PDB file of N, CA and C in Angstrom:
ATOM      1  N   MET A   1      59.733 -31.517  55.543  1.00  0.00           N
ATOM      2  CA  MET A   1      58.647 -31.083  56.394  1.00  0.00           C
ATOM      3  C   MET A   1      57.452 -30.685  55.525  1.00  0.00           C
ATOM      4  N   TYR A   2      56.276 -31.075  55.934  1.00  0.00           N
ATOM      5  CA  TYR A   2      55.037 -30.811  55.209  1.00  0.00           C
ATOM      6  C   TYR A   2      54.832 -29.312  55.034  1.00  0.00           C
ATOM      7  N   GLN A   3      54.546 -28.883  53.807  1.00  0.00           N
ATOM      8  CA  GLN A   3      54.387 -27.466  53.494  1.00  0.00           C
ATOM      9  C   GLN A   3      52.933 -27.059  53.263  1.00  0.00           C
ATOM     10  N   GLY A   4      52.009 -27.998  53.365  1.00  0.00           N
ATOM     11  CA  GLY A   4      50.607 -27.702  53.096  1.00  0.00           C
ATOM     12  C   GLY A   4      49.865 -27.215  54.330  1.00  0.00           C
ATOM     13  N   LYS A   5      48.549 -27.085  54.181  1.00  0.00           N
ATOM     14  CA  LYS A   5      47.703 -26.557  55.258  1.00  0.00           C
ATOM     15  C   LYS A   5      46.833 -27.626  55.914  1.00  0.00           C
ATOM     16  N   ARG A   6      46.844 -28.840  55.394  1.00  0.00           N
ATOM     17  CA  ARG A   6      46.009 -29.894  55.970  1.00  0.00           C
ATOM     18  C   ARG A   6      46.602 -30.418  57.272  1.00  0.00           C
ATOM     19  N   LYS A   7      45.737 -30.946  58.113  1.00  0.00           N
ATOM     20  CA  LYS A   7      46.201 -31.571  59.346  1.00  0.00           C
ATOM     21  C   LYS A   7      46.616 -33.006  59.020  1.00  0.00           C
ATOM     22  N   ILE A   8      47.850 -33.340  59.348  1.00  0.00           N
ATOM     23  CA  ILE A   8      48.382 -34.677  59.087  1.00  0.00           C
ATOM     24  C   ILE A   8      48.292 -35.477  60.383  1.00  0.00           C
ATOM     25  N   MET A   9      47.652 -36.638  60.309  1.00  0.00           N
ATOM     26  CA  MET A   9      47.417 -37.433  61.517  1.00  0.00           C
ATOM     27  C   MET A   9      48.707 -38.060  62.058  1.00  0.00           C
ATOM     28  N   ARG A  10      49.438 -38.753  61.226  1.00  0.00           N
ATOM     29  CA  ARG A  10      50.672 -39.408  61.672  1.00  0.00           C
ATOM     30  C   ARG A  10      51.856 -38.690  61.035  1.00  0.00           C
ATOM     31  N   GLN A  11      52.214 -37.570  61.632  1.00  0.00           N
ATOM     32  CA  GLN A  11      53.220 -36.672  61.078  1.00  0.00           C
ATOM     33  C   GLN A  11      54.560 -37.363  60.826  1.00  0.00           C
ATOM     34  N   ASP A  12      55.016 -38.193  61.754  1.00  0.00           N
ATOM     35  CA  ASP A  12      56.305 -38.872  61.581  1.00  0.00           C
ATOM     36  C   ASP A  12      56.294 -39.791  60.364  1.00  0.00           C
ATOM     37  N   GLU A  13      55.240 -40.577  60.216  1.00  0.00           N
ATOM     38  CA  GLU A  13      55.126 -41.476  59.067  1.00  0.00           C
ATOM     39  C   GLU A  13      55.062 -40.680  57.771  1.00  0.00           C
ATOM     40  N   TYR A  14      54.282 -39.612  57.792  1.00  0.00           N
ATOM     41  CA  TYR A  14      54.148 -38.780  56.606  1.00  0.00           C
ATOM     42  C   TYR A  14      55.507 -38.195  56.215  1.00  0.00           C
ATOM     43  N   ASN A  15      56.249 -37.689  57.177  1.00  0.00           N
ATOM     44  CA  ASN A  15      57.554 -37.089  56.883  1.00  0.00           C
ATOM     45  C   ASN A  15      58.541 -38.104  56.320  1.00  0.00           C
ATOM     46  N   GLU A  16      58.498 -39.338  56.806  1.00  0.00           N
ATOM     47  CA  GLU A  16      59.377 -40.386  56.262  1.00  0.00           C
ATOM     48  C   GLU A  16      59.033 -40.675  54.809  1.00  0.00           C
ATOM     49  N   ARG A  17      57.748 -40.819  54.523  1.00  0.00           N
ATOM     50  CA  ARG A  17      57.304 -41.083  53.147  1.00  0.00           C
ATOM     51  C   ARG A  17      57.626 -39.885  52.253  1.00  0.00           C
ATOM     52  N   ARG A  18      57.407 -38.699  52.782  1.00  0.00           N
ATOM     53  CA  ARG A  18      57.694 -37.480  52.026  1.00  0.00           C
ATOM     54  C   ARG A  18      59.175 -37.398  51.665  1.00  0.00           C
ATOM     55  N   LYS A  19      60.028 -37.763  52.610  1.00  0.00           N
ATOM     56  CA  LYS A  19      61.470 -37.740  52.370  1.00  0.00           C
ATOM     57  C   LYS A  19      61.844 -38.649  51.201  1.00  0.00           C
ATOM     58  N   GLU A  20      61.199 -39.814  51.127  1.00  0.00           N
ATOM     59  CA  GLU A  20      61.433 -40.731  50.010  1.00  0.00           C
ATOM     60  C   GLU A  20      60.966 -40.119  48.691  1.00  0.00           C
ATOM     61  N   ILE A  21      59.783 -39.531  48.717  1.00  0.00           N
ATOM     62  CA  ILE A  21      59.194 -38.981  47.501  1.00  0.00           C
ATOM     63  C   ILE A  21      60.054 -37.853  46.939  1.00  0.00           C
ATOM     64  N   ILE A  22      60.499 -36.933  47.784  1.00  0.00           N
ATOM     65  CA  ILE A  22      61.222 -35.767  47.284  1.00  0.00           C
ATOM     66  C   ILE A  22      62.696 -36.049  46.997  1.00  0.00           C
ATOM     67  N   SER A  23      63.106 -37.293  47.100  1.00  0.00           N
ATOM     68  CA  SER A  23      64.499 -37.633  46.807  1.00  0.00           C
ATOM     69  C   SER A  23      64.781 -37.634  45.296  1.00  0.00           C
ATOM     70  N   THR A  24      63.733 -37.654  44.486  1.00  0.00           N
ATOM     71  CA  THR A  24      63.896 -37.558  43.029  1.00  0.00           C
ATOM     72  C   THR A  24      63.234 -36.273  42.551  1.00  0.00           C
ATOM     73  N   LYS A  25      63.709 -35.739  41.444  1.00  0.00           N
ATOM     74  CA  LYS A  25      63.134 -34.505  40.912  1.00  0.00           C
ATOM     75  C   LYS A  25      61.657 -34.680  40.581  1.00  0.00           C
ATOM     76  N   GLY A  26      61.309 -35.790  39.942  1.00  0.00           N
ATOM     77  CA  GLY A  26      59.911 -36.039  39.608  1.00  0.00           C
ATOM     78  C   GLY A  26      59.026 -36.098  40.837  1.00  0.00           C
ATOM     79  N   GLY A  27      59.506 -36.753  41.865  1.00  0.00           N
ATOM     80  CA  GLY A  27      58.755 -36.833  43.119  1.00  0.00           C
ATOM     81  C   GLY A  27      58.647 -35.482  43.803  1.00  0.00           C
ATOM     82  N   ALA A  28      59.721 -34.706  43.760  1.00  0.00           N
ATOM     83  CA  ALA A  28      59.707 -33.374  44.384  1.00  0.00           C
ATOM     84  C   ALA A  28      58.713 -32.461  43.679  1.00  0.00           C
ATOM     85  N   VAL A  29      58.646 -32.553  42.346  1.00  0.00           N
ATOM     86  CA  VAL A  29      57.688 -31.742  41.587  1.00  0.00           C
ATOM     87  C   VAL A  29      56.267 -32.165  41.935  1.00  0.00           C
ATOM     88  N   TRP A  30      56.003 -33.465  41.890  1.00  0.00           N
ATOM     89  CA  TRP A  30      54.665 -33.966  42.212  1.00  0.00           C
ATOM     90  C   TRP A  30      54.261 -33.529  43.620  1.00  0.00           C
ATOM     91  N   ASN A  31      55.185 -33.670  44.563  1.00  0.00           N
ATOM     92  CA  ASN A  31      54.900 -33.318  45.945  1.00  0.00           C
ATOM     93  C   ASN A  31      54.627 -31.820  46.098  1.00  0.00           C
ATOM     94  N   ALA A  32      55.387 -30.986  45.387  1.00  0.00           N
ATOM     95  CA  ALA A  32      55.177 -29.537  45.471  1.00  0.00           C
ATOM     96  C   ALA A  32      53.757 -29.178  45.044  1.00  0.00           C
ATOM     97  N   PHE A  33      53.322 -29.721  43.913  1.00  0.00           N
ATOM     98  CA  PHE A  33      51.969 -29.403  43.449  1.00  0.00           C
ATOM     99  C   PHE A  33      50.910 -29.991  44.380  1.00  0.00           C
ATOM    100  N   THR A  34      51.186 -31.143  44.961  1.00  0.00           N
ATOM    101  CA  THR A  34      50.248 -31.739  45.908  1.00  0.00           C
ATOM    102  C   THR A  34      50.108 -30.878  47.162  1.00  0.00           C
ATOM    103  N   GLU A  35      51.230 -30.455  47.714  1.00  0.00           N
ATOM    104  CA  GLU A  35      51.182 -29.671  48.951  1.00  0.00           C
ATOM    105  C   GLU A  35      50.730 -28.230  48.714  1.00  0.00           C
ATOM    106  N   LEU A  36      50.895 -27.722  47.515  1.00  0.00           N
ATOM    107  CA  LEU A  36      50.402 -26.374  47.215  1.00  0.00           C
ATOM    108  C   LEU A  36      48.886 -26.362  47.057  1.00  0.00           C
ATOM    109  N   GLU A  37      48.291 -27.546  46.931  1.00  0.00           N
ATOM    110  CA  GLU A  37      46.837 -27.721  46.949  1.00  0.00           C
ATOM    111  C   GLU A  37      46.106 -26.730  46.053  1.00  0.00           C
ATOM    112  N   ASN A  38      46.481 -26.717  44.776  1.00  0.00           N
ATOM    113  CA  ASN A  38      45.818 -25.895  43.758  1.00  0.00           C
ATOM    114  C   ASN A  38      46.000 -24.386  43.940  1.00  0.00           C
ATOM    115  N   LEU A  39      47.000 -23.968  44.685  1.00  0.00           N
ATOM    116  CA  LEU A  39      47.287 -22.539  44.803  1.00  0.00           C
ATOM    117  C   LEU A  39      47.946 -21.983  43.544  1.00  0.00           C
ATOM    118  N   ILE A  40      48.598 -22.861  42.787  1.00  0.00           N
ATOM    119  CA  ILE A  40      49.254 -22.450  41.546  1.00  0.00           C
ATOM    120  C   ILE A  40      48.341 -22.847  40.386  1.00  0.00           C
ATOM    121  N   ASN A  41      48.034 -21.897  39.533  1.00  0.00           N
ATOM    122  CA  ASN A  41      47.233 -22.165  38.348  1.00  0.00           C
ATOM    123  C   ASN A  41      48.146 -22.818  37.313  1.00  0.00           C
ATOM    124  N   LYS A  42      47.951 -24.110  37.083  1.00  0.00           N
ATOM    125  CA  LYS A  42      48.833 -24.851  36.168  1.00  0.00           C
ATOM    126  C   LYS A  42      48.735 -24.342  34.738  1.00  0.00           C
ATOM    127  N   SER A  43      47.554 -23.919  34.318  1.00  0.00           N
ATOM    128  CA  SER A  43      47.404 -23.392  32.960  1.00  0.00           C
ATOM    129  C   SER A  43      48.252 -22.141  32.773  1.00  0.00           C
ATOM    130  N   ALA A  44      48.156 -21.221  33.713  1.00  0.00           N
ATOM    131  CA  ALA A  44      48.918 -19.976  33.619  1.00  0.00           C
ATOM    132  C   ALA A  44      50.415 -20.238  33.741  1.00  0.00           C
ATOM    133  N   LEU A  45      50.799 -21.115  34.653  1.00  0.00           N
ATOM    134  CA  LEU A  45      52.218 -21.453  34.828  1.00  0.00           C
ATOM    135  C   LEU A  45      52.781 -22.056  33.547  1.00  0.00           C
ATOM    136  N   ALA A  46      52.076 -23.012  32.971  1.00  0.00           N
ATOM    137  CA  ALA A  46      52.539 -23.674  31.751  1.00  0.00           C
ATOM    138  C   ALA A  46      52.680 -22.670  30.614  1.00  0.00           C
ATOM    139  N   GLN A  47      51.696 -21.793  30.475  1.00  0.00           N
ATOM    140  CA  GLN A  47      51.717 -20.827  29.380  1.00  0.00           C
ATOM    141  C   GLN A  47      52.782 -19.751  29.589  1.00  0.00           C
ATOM    142  N   GLN A  48      52.820 -19.154  30.769  1.00  0.00           N
ATOM    143  CA  GLN A  48      53.720 -18.026  31.010  1.00  0.00           C
ATOM    144  C   GLN A  48      55.184 -18.412  31.077  1.00  0.00           C
ATOM    145  N   TYR A  49      55.482 -19.562  31.656  1.00  0.00           N
ATOM    146  CA  TYR A  49      56.885 -19.927  31.868  1.00  0.00           C
ATOM    147  C   TYR A  49      57.426 -20.928  30.844  1.00  0.00           C
ATOM    148  N   PHE A  50      56.540 -21.752  30.272  1.00  0.00           N
ATOM    149  CA  PHE A  50      56.988 -22.780  29.332  1.00  0.00           C
ATOM    150  C   PHE A  50      56.471 -22.565  27.906  1.00  0.00           C
ATOM    151  N   GLY A  51      55.444 -21.717  27.762  1.00  0.00           N
ATOM    152  CA  GLY A  51      54.823 -21.551  26.462  1.00  0.00           C
ATOM    153  C   GLY A  51      54.094 -22.812  26.015  1.00  0.00           C
ATOM    154  N   LYS A  52      53.592 -23.569  26.987  1.00  0.00           N
ATOM    155  CA  LYS A  52      52.930 -24.862  26.722  1.00  0.00           C
ATOM    156  C   LYS A  52      51.539 -24.859  27.340  1.00  0.00           C
ATOM    157  N   SER A  53      50.820 -25.949  27.138  1.00  0.00           N
ATOM    158  CA  SER A  53      49.462 -26.085  27.671  1.00  0.00           C
ATOM    159  C   SER A  53      49.479 -26.707  29.067  1.00  0.00           C
ATOM    160  N   GLN A  54      48.341 -26.587  29.737  1.00  0.00           N
ATOM    161  CA  GLN A  54      48.181 -27.186  31.058  1.00  0.00           C
ATOM    162  C   GLN A  54      48.302 -28.697  30.968  1.00  0.00           C
ATOM    163  N   SER A  55      47.803 -29.297  29.886  1.00  0.00           N
ATOM    164  CA  SER A  55      47.900 -30.757  29.756  1.00  0.00           C
ATOM    165  C   SER A  55      49.357 -31.190  29.604  1.00  0.00           C
ATOM    166  N   TRP A  56      50.154 -30.407  28.891  1.00  0.00           N
ATOM    167  CA  TRP A  56      51.590 -30.703  28.767  1.00  0.00           C
ATOM    168  C   TRP A  56      52.232 -30.745  30.148  1.00  0.00           C
ATOM    169  N   LEU A  57      51.920 -29.728  30.964  1.00  0.00           N
ATOM    170  CA  LEU A  57      52.495 -29.658  32.310  1.00  0.00           C
ATOM    171  C   LEU A  57      52.005 -30.821  33.172  1.00  0.00           C
ATOM    172  N   SER A  58      50.709 -31.082  33.161  1.00  0.00           N
ATOM    173  CA  SER A  58      50.148 -32.164  33.984  1.00  0.00           C
ATOM    174  C   SER A  58      50.698 -33.530  33.597  1.00  0.00           C
ATOM    175  N   GLN A  59      50.881 -33.757  32.301  1.00  0.00           N
ATOM    176  CA  GLN A  59      51.447 -35.034  31.855  1.00  0.00           C
ATOM    177  C   GLN A  59      52.829 -35.259  32.459  1.00  0.00           C
ATOM    178  N   ARG A  60      53.606 -34.216  32.575  1.00  0.00           N
ATOM    179  CA  ARG A  60      54.951 -34.338  33.134  1.00  0.00           C
ATOM    180  C   ARG A  60      54.932 -34.439  34.656  1.00  0.00           C
ATOM    181  N   ILE A  61      54.041 -33.707  35.287  1.00  0.00           N
ATOM    182  CA  ILE A  61      53.923 -33.790  36.750  1.00  0.00           C
ATOM    183  C   ILE A  61      53.556 -35.207  37.163  1.00  0.00           C
ATOM    184  N   HIS A  62      52.625 -35.820  36.427  1.00  0.00           N
ATOM    185  CA  HIS A  62      52.105 -37.129  36.800  1.00  0.00           C
ATOM    186  C   HIS A  62      52.791 -38.301  36.088  1.00  0.00           C
ATOM    187  N   GLY A  63      53.740 -38.008  35.202  1.00  0.00           N
ATOM    188  CA  GLY A  63      54.452 -39.077  34.500  1.00  0.00           C
ATOM    189  C   GLY A  63      53.555 -39.916  33.611  1.00  0.00           C
ATOM    190  N   CYS A  64      52.613 -39.279  32.939  1.00  0.00           N
ATOM    191  CA  CYS A  64      51.667 -39.989  32.073  1.00  0.00           C
ATOM    192  C   CYS A  64      52.374 -40.622  30.879  1.00  0.00           C
ATOM    193  N   THR A  65      51.785 -41.672  30.384  1.00  0.00           N
ATOM    194  CA  THR A  65      52.269 -42.306  29.170  1.00  0.00           C
ATOM    195  C   THR A  65      51.413 -41.815  28.010  1.00  0.00           C
ATOM    196  N   VAL A  66      52.075 -41.239  27.011  1.00  0.00           N
ATOM    197  CA  VAL A  66      51.386 -40.725  25.829  1.00  0.00           C
ATOM    198  C   VAL A  66      52.047 -41.347  24.613  1.00  0.00           C
ATOM    199  N   MET A  67      51.243 -42.016  23.813  1.00  0.00           N
ATOM    200  CA  MET A  67      51.750 -42.705  22.619  1.00  0.00           C
ATOM    201  C   MET A  67      52.933 -43.604  22.976  1.00  0.00           C
ATOM    202  N   LYS A  68      52.760 -44.392  24.023  1.00  0.00           N
ATOM    203  CA  LYS A  68      53.731 -45.378  24.503  1.00  0.00           C
ATOM    204  C   LYS A  68      55.039 -44.761  25.012  1.00  0.00           C
ATOM    205  N   LYS A  69      55.009 -43.487  25.345  1.00  0.00           N
ATOM    206  CA  LYS A  69      56.201 -42.822  25.871  1.00  0.00           C
ATOM    207  C   LYS A  69      55.845 -42.123  27.182  1.00  0.00           C
ATOM    208  N   GLU A  70      56.641 -42.397  28.215  1.00  0.00           N
ATOM    209  CA  GLU A  70      56.396 -41.757  29.508  1.00  0.00           C
ATOM    210  C   GLU A  70      56.856 -40.309  29.450  1.00  0.00           C
ATOM    211  N   MET A  71      55.951 -39.415  29.818  1.00  0.00           N
ATOM    212  CA  MET A  71      56.247 -37.989  29.790  1.00  0.00           C
ATOM    213  C   MET A  71      57.010 -37.595  31.059  1.00  0.00           C
ATOM    214  N   ALA A  72      58.062 -36.850  30.890  1.00  0.00           N
ATOM    215  CA  ALA A  72      58.875 -36.390  32.020  1.00  0.00           C
ATOM    216  C   ALA A  72      59.524 -35.071  31.638  1.00  0.00           C
ATOM    217  N   PHE A  73      59.854 -34.292  32.645  1.00  0.00           N
ATOM    218  CA  PHE A  73      60.581 -33.048  32.408  1.00  0.00           C
ATOM    219  C   PHE A  73      62.010 -33.363  31.987  1.00  0.00           C
ATOM    220  N   LYS A  74      62.560 -32.528  31.139  1.00  0.00           N
ATOM    221  CA  LYS A  74      63.977 -32.578  30.804  1.00  0.00           C
ATOM    222  C   LYS A  74      64.711 -31.811  31.899  1.00  0.00           C
ATOM    223  N   PRO A  75      66.025 -32.051  32.064  1.00  0.00           N
ATOM    224  CA  PRO A  75      66.764 -31.337  33.127  1.00  0.00           C
ATOM    225  C   PRO A  75      66.594 -29.822  33.072  1.00  0.00           C
ATOM    226  N   GLU A  76      66.627 -29.242  31.886  1.00  0.00           N
ATOM    227  CA  GLU A  76      66.473 -27.784  31.788  1.00  0.00           C
ATOM    228  C   GLU A  76      65.051 -27.343  32.149  1.00  0.00           C
ATOM    229  N   GLU A  77      64.062 -28.222  31.948  1.00  0.00           N
ATOM    230  CA  GLU A  77      62.681 -27.898  32.330  1.00  0.00           C
ATOM    231  C   GLU A  77      62.507 -27.951  33.843  1.00  0.00           C
ATOM    232  N   TYR A  78      63.202 -28.870  34.508  1.00  0.00           N
ATOM    233  CA  TYR A  78      63.187 -28.871  35.980  1.00  0.00           C
ATOM    234  C   TYR A  78      63.743 -27.545  36.508  1.00  0.00           C
ATOM    235  N   ARG A  79      64.848 -27.085  35.914  1.00  0.00           N
ATOM    236  CA  ARG A  79      65.434 -25.805  36.343  1.00  0.00           C
ATOM    237  C   ARG A  79      64.468 -24.653  36.091  1.00  0.00           C
ATOM    238  N   LEU A  80      63.816 -24.656  34.931  1.00  0.00           N
ATOM    239  CA  LEU A  80      62.861 -23.608  34.611  1.00  0.00           C
ATOM    240  C   LEU A  80      61.679 -23.627  35.580  1.00  0.00           C
ATOM    241  N   LEU A  81      61.212 -24.811  35.944  1.00  0.00           N
ATOM    242  CA  LEU A  81      60.108 -24.910  36.901  1.00  0.00           C
ATOM    243  C   LEU A  81      60.534 -24.367  38.262  1.00  0.00           C
ATOM    244  N   ALA A  82      61.715 -24.747  38.730  1.00  0.00           N
ATOM    245  CA  ALA A  82      62.207 -24.232  40.012  1.00  0.00           C
ATOM    246  C   ALA A  82      62.354 -22.711  39.945  1.00  0.00           C
ATOM    247  N   ASP A  83      62.885 -22.200  38.844  1.00  0.00           N
ATOM    248  CA  ASP A  83      63.027 -20.751  38.685  1.00  0.00           C
ATOM    249  C   ASP A  83      61.672 -20.061  38.624  1.00  0.00           C
ATOM    250  N   SER A  84      60.684 -20.709  38.007  1.00  0.00           N
ATOM    251  CA  SER A  84      59.345 -20.110  37.953  1.00  0.00           C
ATOM    252  C   SER A  84      58.738 -20.024  39.354  1.00  0.00           C
ATOM    253  N   PHE A  85      58.938 -21.054  40.183  1.00  0.00           N
ATOM    254  CA  PHE A  85      58.474 -20.996  41.572  1.00  0.00           C
ATOM    255  C   PHE A  85      59.163 -19.852  42.315  1.00  0.00           C
ATOM    256  N   ARG A  86      60.468 -19.686  42.097  1.00  0.00           N
ATOM    257  CA  ARG A  86      61.194 -18.589  42.746  1.00  0.00           C
ATOM    258  C   ARG A  86      60.677 -17.227  42.281  1.00  0.00           C
ATOM    259  N   ASP A  87      60.383 -17.109  40.983  1.00  0.00           N
ATOM    260  CA  ASP A  87      59.854 -15.857  40.455  1.00  0.00           C
ATOM    261  C   ASP A  87      58.492 -15.548  41.072  1.00  0.00           C
ATOM    262  N   ILE A  88      57.619 -16.548  41.148  1.00  0.00           N
ATOM    263  CA  ILE A  88      56.304 -16.370  41.762  1.00  0.00           C
ATOM    264  C   ILE A  88      56.468 -15.967  43.225  1.00  0.00           C
ATOM    265  N   ALA A  89      57.395 -16.610  43.934  1.00  0.00           N
ATOM    266  CA  ALA A  89      57.638 -16.276  45.345  1.00  0.00           C
ATOM    267  C   ALA A  89      58.099 -14.825  45.483  1.00  0.00           C
ATOM    268  N   ARG A  90      59.004 -14.384  44.603  1.00  0.00           N
ATOM    269  CA  ARG A  90      59.475 -12.986  44.649  1.00  0.00           C
ATOM    270  C   ARG A  90      58.327 -12.020  44.393  1.00  0.00           C
ATOM    271  N   ARG A  91      57.499 -12.343  43.417  1.00  0.00           N
ATOM    272  CA  ARG A  91      56.368 -11.477  43.095  1.00  0.00           C
ATOM    273  C   ARG A  91      55.374 -11.411  44.248  1.00  0.00           C
ATOM    274  N   LEU A  92      55.080 -12.553  44.859  1.00  0.00           N
ATOM    275  CA  LEU A  92      54.175 -12.566  46.014  1.00  0.00           C
ATOM    276  C   LEU A  92      54.750 -11.764  47.172  1.00  0.00           C
ATOM    277  N   GLN A  93      56.048 -11.926  47.422  1.00  0.00           N
ATOM    278  CA  GLN A  93      56.699 -11.183  48.501  1.00  0.00           C
ATOM    279  C   GLN A  93      56.620  -9.680  48.254  1.00  0.00           C
ATOM    280  N   ALA A  94      56.841  -9.250  47.012  1.00  0.00           N
ATOM    281  CA  ALA A  94      56.765  -7.829  46.678  1.00  0.00           C
ATOM    282  C   ALA A  94      55.353  -7.292  46.914  1.00  0.00           C
ATOM    283  N   HIS A  95      54.340  -8.061  46.533  1.00  0.00           N
ATOM    284  CA  HIS A  95      52.957  -7.623  46.763  1.00  0.00           C
ATOM    285  C   HIS A  95      52.635  -7.590  48.252  1.00  0.00           C
ATOM    286  N   ALA A  96      53.112  -8.566  48.999  1.00  0.00           N
ATOM    287  CA  ALA A  96      52.890  -8.574  50.452  1.00  0.00           C
ATOM    288  C   ALA A  96      53.538  -7.349  51.083  1.00  0.00           C
ATOM    289  N   ASP A  97      54.743  -7.006  50.641  1.00  0.00           N
ATOM    290  CA  ASP A  97      55.433  -5.824  51.157  1.00  0.00           C
ATOM    291  C   ASP A  97      54.656  -4.551  50.840  1.00  0.00           C
ATOM    292  N   GLU A  98      54.091  -4.456  49.632  1.00  0.00           N
ATOM    293  CA  GLU A  98      53.286  -3.284  49.266  1.00  0.00           C
ATOM    294  C   GLU A  98      52.047  -3.174  50.142  1.00  0.00           C
ATOM    295  N   ILE A  99      51.415  -4.298  50.427  1.00  0.00           N
ATOM    296  CA  ILE A  99      50.236  -4.290  51.301  1.00  0.00           C
ATOM    297  C   ILE A  99      50.613  -3.807  52.685  1.00  0.00           C
ATOM    298  N   ASP A 100      51.722  -4.335  53.221  1.00  0.00           N
ATOM    299  CA  ASP A 100      52.191  -3.906  54.543  1.00  0.00           C
ATOM    300  C   ASP A 100      52.515  -2.427  54.568  1.00  0.00           C
ATOM    301  N   ALA A 101      53.087  -1.896  53.498  1.00  0.00           N
ATOM    302  CA  ALA A 101      53.531  -0.501  53.462  1.00  0.00           C
ATOM    303  C   ALA A 101      52.381   0.484  53.198  1.00  0.00           C
ATOM    304  N   ALA A 102      51.292   0.011  52.650  1.00  0.00           N
ATOM    305  CA  ALA A 102      50.178   0.882  52.302  1.00  0.00           C
ATOM    306  C   ALA A 102      49.466   1.386  53.558  1.00  0.00           C
ATOM    307  N   SER A 103      48.848   2.572  53.440  1.00  0.00           N
ATOM    308  CA  SER A 103      48.126   3.127  54.583  1.00  0.00           C
ATOM    309  C   SER A 103      46.797   2.405  54.759  1.00  0.00           C
ATOM    310  N   ASP A 104      46.237   2.522  55.945  1.00  0.00           N
ATOM    311  CA  ASP A 104      44.946   1.891  56.249  1.00  0.00           C
ATOM    312  C   ASP A 104      43.769   2.707  55.707  1.00  0.00           C
ATOM    313  N   GLU A 105      44.050   3.781  55.039  1.00  0.00           N
ATOM    314  CA  GLU A 105      43.071   4.686  54.419  1.00  0.00           C
ATOM    315  C   GLU A 105      42.541   5.679  55.347  1.00  0.00           C
TER     316      GLU A 105
END
């Protein structure tokens, strides 16, 4: 199911194509960043969770070829990326809870 905020014209067709895309880890990663629509700062994510540059992360998201080699995440990097998304989600949830609990002044 589409996780973004855009209005999708042919929802059924989009969902079928999306199902195909997310059937592979590379496709699921690409789709996540596409549907998050720049809500995640790739530079900060790459640096904080991987100790790498934004270009390193983008090359893997998009499967770029660098020096005749296709860039892709290693299995442990896929796990780290999924864990980083979970960590960000936990942090956002904690901040949302603090906002809800705070007084209106």
